[in-house]
Amino acid sequence: MCGDGGIWRCTDCLGCPLLCASCCRTTHRHLPYHRVEEWKGDSFEPGWLSSVGIEIHLGHQGEICP
């Protein structure tokens, strides 16, 4: 998306695009149940959206409590 080197891919998104951490966070802000994988140099390994900064907030339409 941004042109930076991507090391994250989502197995639930169509085409499994490679994303940098920032684009992965932006793309999946409202898709917290998608499964991501991280490139570890020679293969992809299961990863967590929390690793790119995704947090799940309950209530307040998904925003942090005021």
PDB file of N, CA and C in Angstrom:
ATOM      1  N   MET A   1       0.822  -1.188   0.000  1.00  0.00           N
ATOM      2  CA  MET A   1       0.000   0.000   0.000  1.00  0.00           C
ATOM      3  C   MET A   1       0.874   1.263   0.000  1.00  0.00           C
ATOM      4  N   CYS A   2       1.806   1.358   0.946  1.00  0.00           N
ATOM      5  CA  CYS A   2       2.611   2.579   1.064  1.00  0.00           C
ATOM      6  C   CYS A   2       3.899   2.493   0.265  1.00  0.00           C
ATOM      7  N   GLY A   3       4.280   1.297  -0.142  1.00  0.00           N
ATOM      8  CA  GLY A   3       5.513   1.125  -0.894  1.00  0.00           C
ATOM      9  C   GLY A   3       6.690   0.664  -0.053  1.00  0.00           C
ATOM     10  N   ASP A   4       6.566   0.717   1.276  1.00  0.00           N
ATOM     11  CA  ASP A   4       7.631   0.200   2.145  1.00  0.00           C
ATOM     12  C   ASP A   4       7.651  -1.320   2.039  1.00  0.00           C
ATOM     13  N   GLY A   5       8.762  -1.902   2.391  1.00  0.00           N
ATOM     14  CA  GLY A   5       8.870  -3.358   2.351  1.00  0.00           C
ATOM     15  C   GLY A   5       7.913  -4.004   3.326  1.00  0.00           C
ATOM     16  N   GLY A   6       7.129  -4.941   2.869  1.00  0.00           N
ATOM     17  CA  GLY A   6       6.167  -5.597   3.735  1.00  0.00           C
ATOM     18  C   GLY A   6       6.682  -6.912   4.263  1.00  0.00           C
ATOM     19  N   ILE A   7       6.470  -7.160   5.539  1.00  0.00           N
ATOM     20  CA  ILE A   7       6.824  -8.448   6.123  1.00  0.00           C
ATOM     21  C   ILE A   7       5.601  -9.136   6.723  1.00  0.00           C
ATOM     22  N   TRP A   8       4.440  -8.499   6.620  1.00  0.00           N
ATOM     23  CA  TRP A   8       3.207  -9.056   7.165  1.00  0.00           C
ATOM     24  C   TRP A   8       2.278  -9.424   6.016  1.00  0.00           C
ATOM     25  N   ARG A   9       1.572 -10.539   6.163  1.00  0.00           N
ATOM     26  CA  ARG A   9       0.522 -10.883   5.211  1.00  0.00           C
ATOM     27  C   ARG A   9      -0.666 -11.437   5.983  1.00  0.00           C
ATOM     28  N   CYS A  10      -1.832 -11.211   5.415  1.00  0.00           N
ATOM     29  CA  CYS A  10      -3.067 -11.682   6.041  1.00  0.00           C
ATOM     30  C   CYS A  10      -3.606 -12.843   5.225  1.00  0.00           C
ATOM     31  N   THR A  11      -3.819 -13.968   5.882  1.00  0.00           N
ATOM     32  CA  THR A  11      -4.320 -15.142   5.178  1.00  0.00           C
ATOM     33  C   THR A  11      -5.820 -15.046   4.917  1.00  0.00           C
ATOM     34  N   ASP A  12      -6.501 -14.089   5.539  1.00  0.00           N
ATOM     35  CA  ASP A  12      -7.936 -13.925   5.334  1.00  0.00           C
ATOM     36  C   ASP A  12      -8.268 -12.885   4.265  1.00  0.00           C
ATOM     37  N   CYS A  13      -7.315 -12.022   3.925  1.00  0.00           N
ATOM     38  CA  CYS A  13      -7.551 -11.002   2.898  1.00  0.00           C
ATOM     39  C   CYS A  13      -7.321 -11.592   1.505  1.00  0.00           C
ATOM     40  N   LEU A  14      -8.111 -11.173   0.558  1.00  0.00           N
ATOM     41  CA  LEU A  14      -8.008 -11.657  -0.811  1.00  0.00           C
ATOM     42  C   LEU A  14      -6.620 -11.368  -1.380  1.00  0.00           C
ATOM     43  N   GLY A  15      -5.928 -12.388  -1.829  1.00  0.00           N
ATOM     44  CA  GLY A  15      -4.615 -12.233  -2.436  1.00  0.00           C
ATOM     45  C   GLY A  15      -3.456 -12.224  -1.460  1.00  0.00           C
ATOM     46  N   CYS A  16      -3.703 -12.259  -0.172  1.00  0.00           N
ATOM     47  CA  CYS A  16      -2.650 -12.229   0.859  1.00  0.00           C
ATOM     48  C   CYS A  16      -1.587 -11.168   0.565  1.00  0.00           C
ATOM     49  N   PRO A  17      -1.967  -9.893   0.485  1.00  0.00           N
ATOM     50  CA  PRO A  17      -0.980  -8.858   0.155  1.00  0.00           C
ATOM     51  C   PRO A  17       0.083  -8.713   1.246  1.00  0.00           C
ATOM     52  N   LEU A  18       1.304  -8.379   0.831  1.00  0.00           N
ATOM     53  CA  LEU A  18       2.369  -8.079   1.788  1.00  0.00           C
ATOM     54  C   LEU A  18       2.199  -6.650   2.268  1.00  0.00           C
ATOM     55  N   LEU A  19       2.277  -6.452   3.575  1.00  0.00           N
ATOM     56  CA  LEU A  19       2.058  -5.136   4.174  1.00  0.00           C
ATOM     57  C   LEU A  19       3.158  -4.815   5.173  1.00  0.00           C
ATOM     58  N   CYS A  20       3.496  -3.531   5.283  1.00  0.00           N
ATOM     59  CA  CYS A  20       4.372  -3.101   6.372  1.00  0.00           C
ATOM     60  C   CYS A  20       3.505  -3.078   7.643  1.00  0.00           C
ATOM     61  N   ALA A  21       4.136  -2.911   8.793  1.00  0.00           N
ATOM     62  CA  ALA A  21       3.391  -2.922  10.060  1.00  0.00           C
ATOM     63  C   ALA A  21       2.335  -1.821  10.101  1.00  0.00           C
ATOM     64  N   SER A  22       2.675  -0.625   9.617  1.00  0.00           N
ATOM     65  CA  SER A  22       1.735   0.492   9.649  1.00  0.00           C
ATOM     66  C   SER A  22       0.515   0.226   8.769  1.00  0.00           C
ATOM     67  N   CYS A  23       0.732  -0.273   7.557  1.00  0.00           N
ATOM     68  CA  CYS A  23      -0.390  -0.566   6.658  1.00  0.00           C
ATOM     69  C   CYS A  23      -1.219  -1.743   7.173  1.00  0.00           C
ATOM     70  N   CYS A  24      -0.562  -2.723   7.786  1.00  0.00           N
ATOM     71  CA  CYS A  24      -1.286  -3.855   8.363  1.00  0.00           C
ATOM     72  C   CYS A  24      -2.193  -3.363   9.484  1.00  0.00           C
ATOM     73  N   ARG A  25      -1.679  -2.466  10.318  1.00  0.00           N
ATOM     74  CA  ARG A  25      -2.467  -1.898  11.423  1.00  0.00           C
ATOM     75  C   ARG A  25      -3.660  -1.105  10.884  1.00  0.00           C
ATOM     76  N   THR A  26      -3.425  -0.257   9.880  1.00  0.00           N
ATOM     77  CA  THR A  26      -4.498   0.556   9.295  1.00  0.00           C
ATOM     78  C   THR A  26      -5.556  -0.313   8.636  1.00  0.00           C
ATOM     79  N   THR A  27      -5.116  -1.297   7.874  1.00  0.00           N
ATOM     80  CA  THR A  27      -6.034  -2.173   7.142  1.00  0.00           C
ATOM     81  C   THR A  27      -6.878  -3.029   8.077  1.00  0.00           C
ATOM     82  N   HIS A  28      -6.311  -3.449   9.191  1.00  0.00           N
ATOM     83  CA  HIS A  28      -6.991  -4.404  10.065  1.00  0.00           C
ATOM     84  C   HIS A  28      -7.541  -3.795  11.349  1.00  0.00           C
ATOM     85  N   ARG A  29      -7.613  -2.504  11.413  1.00  0.00           N
ATOM     86  CA  ARG A  29      -8.144  -1.853  12.611  1.00  0.00           C
ATOM     87  C   ARG A  29      -9.546  -2.360  12.963  1.00  0.00           C
ATOM     88  N   HIS A  30     -10.359  -2.585  11.949  1.00  0.00           N
ATOM     89  CA  HIS A  30     -11.729  -3.064  12.186  1.00  0.00           C
ATOM     90  C   HIS A  30     -11.903  -4.520  11.763  1.00  0.00           C
ATOM     91  N   LEU A  31     -10.800  -5.244  11.612  1.00  0.00           N
ATOM     92  CA  LEU A  31     -10.837  -6.663  11.258  1.00  0.00           C
ATOM     93  C   LEU A  31      -9.982  -7.464  12.241  1.00  0.00           C
ATOM     94  N   PRO A  32     -10.303  -7.393  13.532  1.00  0.00           N
ATOM     95  CA  PRO A  32      -9.424  -7.984  14.545  1.00  0.00           C
ATOM     96  C   PRO A  32      -9.358  -9.504  14.532  1.00  0.00           C
ATOM     97  N   TYR A  33     -10.240 -10.163  13.793  1.00  0.00           N
ATOM     98  CA  TYR A  33     -10.231 -11.626  13.789  1.00  0.00           C
ATOM     99  C   TYR A  33      -9.488 -12.205  12.597  1.00  0.00           C
ATOM    100  N   HIS A  34      -8.901 -11.366  11.762  1.00  0.00           N
ATOM    101  CA  HIS A  34      -8.109 -11.870  10.651  1.00  0.00           C
ATOM    102  C   HIS A  34      -6.811 -12.463  11.179  1.00  0.00           C
ATOM    103  N   ARG A  35      -6.312 -13.466  10.462  1.00  0.00           N
ATOM    104  CA  ARG A  35      -5.068 -14.130  10.852  1.00  0.00           C
ATOM    105  C   ARG A  35      -3.918 -13.574  10.014  1.00  0.00           C
ATOM    106  N   VAL A  36      -2.861 -13.179  10.668  1.00  0.00           N
ATOM    107  CA  VAL A  36      -1.698 -12.635   9.967  1.00  0.00           C
ATOM    108  C   VAL A  36      -0.488 -13.534  10.169  1.00  0.00           C
ATOM    109  N   GLU A  37       0.451 -13.388   9.249  1.00  0.00           N
ATOM    110  CA  GLU A  37       1.716 -14.099   9.337  1.00  0.00           C
ATOM    111  C   GLU A  37       2.844 -13.094   9.138  1.00  0.00           C
ATOM    112  N   GLU A  38       3.983 -13.358   9.773  1.00  0.00           N
ATOM    113  CA  GLU A  38       5.141 -12.478   9.684  1.00  0.00           C
ATOM    114  C   GLU A  38       6.283 -13.207   8.992  1.00  0.00           C
ATOM    115  N   TRP A  39       6.934 -12.534   8.046  1.00  0.00           N
ATOM    116  CA  TRP A  39       8.091 -13.085   7.356  1.00  0.00           C
ATOM    117  C   TRP A  39       9.276 -13.095   8.309  1.00  0.00           C
ATOM    118  N   LYS A  40       9.903 -14.240   8.479  1.00  0.00           N
ATOM    119  CA  LYS A  40      11.015 -14.394   9.416  1.00  0.00           C
ATOM    120  C   LYS A  40      12.349 -14.652   8.706  1.00  0.00           C
ATOM    121  N   GLY A  41      12.458 -14.224   7.446  1.00  0.00           N
ATOM    122  CA  GLY A  41      13.719 -14.367   6.723  1.00  0.00           C
ATOM    123  C   GLY A  41      13.739 -15.498   5.729  1.00  0.00           C
ATOM    124  N   ASP A  42      13.125 -16.627   6.082  1.00  0.00           N
ATOM    125  CA  ASP A  42      13.081 -17.746   5.142  1.00  0.00           C
ATOM    126  C   ASP A  42      11.694 -18.371   5.032  1.00  0.00           C
ATOM    127  N   SER A  43      10.768 -17.940   5.885  1.00  0.00           N
ATOM    128  CA  SER A  43       9.397 -18.450   5.821  1.00  0.00           C
ATOM    129  C   SER A  43       8.471 -17.528   6.616  1.00  0.00           C
ATOM    130  N   PHE A  44       7.176 -17.706   6.376  1.00  0.00           N
ATOM    131  CA  PHE A  44       6.174 -16.984   7.156  1.00  0.00           C
ATOM    132  C   PHE A  44       5.821 -17.808   8.381  1.00  0.00           C
ATOM    133  N   GLU A  45       5.665 -17.124   9.508  1.00  0.00           N
ATOM    134  CA  GLU A  45       5.251 -17.777  10.746  1.00  0.00           C
ATOM    135  C   GLU A  45       4.009 -17.075  11.264  1.00  0.00           C
ATOM    136  N   PRO A  46       3.125 -17.808  11.960  1.00  0.00           N
ATOM    137  CA  PRO A  46       1.931 -17.170  12.505  1.00  0.00           C
ATOM    138  C   PRO A  46       2.295 -15.970  13.369  1.00  0.00           C
ATOM    139  N   GLY A  47       1.522 -14.901  13.233  1.00  0.00           N
ATOM    140  CA  GLY A  47       1.763 -13.688  14.003  1.00  0.00           C
ATOM    141  C   GLY A  47       0.490 -13.211  14.673  1.00  0.00           C
ATOM    142  N   TRP A  48       0.602 -12.104  15.360  1.00  0.00           N
ATOM    143  CA  TRP A  48      -0.527 -11.528  16.090  1.00  0.00           C
ATOM    144  C   TRP A  48      -0.725 -10.092  15.652  1.00  0.00           C
ATOM    145  N   LEU A  49      -1.964  -9.677  15.479  1.00  0.00           N
ATOM    146  CA  LEU A  49      -2.232  -8.283  15.143  1.00  0.00           C
ATOM    147  C   LEU A  49      -1.777  -7.352  16.260  1.00  0.00           C
ATOM    148  N   SER A  50      -1.700  -7.842  17.468  1.00  0.00           N
ATOM    149  CA  SER A  50      -1.194  -7.006  18.565  1.00  0.00           C
ATOM    150  C   SER A  50       0.264  -6.623  18.327  1.00  0.00           C
ATOM    151  N   SER A  51       0.999  -7.412  17.563  1.00  0.00           N
ATOM    152  CA  SER A  51       2.399  -7.107  17.257  1.00  0.00           C
ATOM    153  C   SER A  51       2.550  -5.874  16.380  1.00  0.00           C
ATOM    154  N   VAL A  52       1.497  -5.511  15.629  1.00  0.00           N
ATOM    155  CA  VAL A  52       1.547  -4.308  14.794  1.00  0.00           C
ATOM    156  C   VAL A  52       0.787  -3.153  15.437  1.00  0.00           C
ATOM    157  N   GLY A  53       0.310  -3.358  16.673  1.00  0.00           N
ATOM    158  CA  GLY A  53      -0.324  -2.273  17.415  1.00  0.00           C
ATOM    159  C   GLY A  53      -1.835  -2.302  17.479  1.00  0.00           C
ATOM    160  N   ILE A  54      -2.458  -3.393  17.063  1.00  0.00           N
ATOM    161  CA  ILE A  54      -3.922  -3.489  17.140  1.00  0.00           C
ATOM    162  C   ILE A  54      -4.330  -3.755  18.584  1.00  0.00           C
ATOM    163  N   GLU A  55      -5.265  -2.973  19.068  1.00  0.00           N
ATOM    164  CA  GLU A  55      -5.851  -3.165  20.389  1.00  0.00           C
ATOM    165  C   GLU A  55      -7.362  -3.250  20.214  1.00  0.00           C
ATOM    166  N   ILE A  56      -7.998  -4.109  20.981  1.00  0.00           N
ATOM    167  CA  ILE A  56      -9.449  -4.244  20.928  1.00  0.00           C
ATOM    168  C   ILE A  56     -10.032  -3.539  22.141  1.00  0.00           C
ATOM    169  N   HIS A  57     -10.841  -2.518  21.882  1.00  0.00           N
ATOM    170  CA  HIS A  57     -11.501  -1.776  22.950  1.00  0.00           C
ATOM    171  C   HIS A  57     -12.992  -2.088  22.900  1.00  0.00           C
ATOM    172  N   LEU A  58     -13.531  -2.510  24.025  1.00  0.00           N
ATOM    173  CA  LEU A  58     -14.946  -2.844  24.098  1.00  0.00           C
ATOM    174  C   LEU A  58     -15.747  -1.598  24.452  1.00  0.00           C
ATOM    175  N   GLY A  59     -16.828  -1.391  23.750  1.00  0.00           N
ATOM    176  CA  GLY A  59     -17.667  -0.216  23.995  1.00  0.00           C
ATOM    177  C   GLY A  59     -17.157   0.994  23.260  1.00  0.00           C
ATOM    178  N   HIS A  60     -17.893   2.065  23.267  1.00  0.00           N
ATOM    179  CA  HIS A  60     -17.533   3.338  22.639  1.00  0.00           C
ATOM    180  C   HIS A  60     -17.208   3.180  21.159  1.00  0.00           C
ATOM    181  N   GLN A  61     -17.924   2.296  20.451  1.00  0.00           N
ATOM    182  CA  GLN A  61     -17.734   2.050  19.028  1.00  0.00           C
ATOM    183  C   GLN A  61     -16.287   1.664  18.697  1.00  0.00           C
ATOM    184  N   GLY A  62     -15.642   0.906  19.589  1.00  0.00           N
ATOM    185  CA  GLY A  62     -14.284   0.447  19.353  1.00  0.00           C
ATOM    186  C   GLY A  62     -13.191   1.441  19.688  1.00  0.00           C
ATOM    187  N   GLU A  63     -13.560   2.598  20.188  1.00  0.00           N
ATOM    188  CA  GLU A  63     -12.570   3.619  20.545  1.00  0.00           C
ATOM    189  C   GLU A  63     -12.184   3.479  22.017  1.00  0.00           C
ATOM    190  N   ILE A  64     -11.063   4.079  22.395  1.00  0.00           N
ATOM    191  CA  ILE A  64     -10.608   4.071  23.786  1.00  0.00           C
ATOM    192  C   ILE A  64     -11.610   4.807  24.654  1.00  0.00           C
ATOM    193  N   CYS A  65     -11.808   4.333  25.879  1.00  0.00           N
ATOM    194  CA  CYS A  65     -12.744   4.991  26.788  1.00  0.00           C
ATOM    195  C   CYS A  65     -12.330   6.445  27.011  1.00  0.00           C
ATOM    196  N   PRO A  66     -13.310   7.363  26.989  1.00  0.00           N
ATOM    197  CA  PRO A  66     -12.978   8.780  27.199  1.00  0.00           C
ATOM    198  C   PRO A  66     -12.508   9.040  28.624  1.00  0.00           C
TER     199      PRO A  66
END
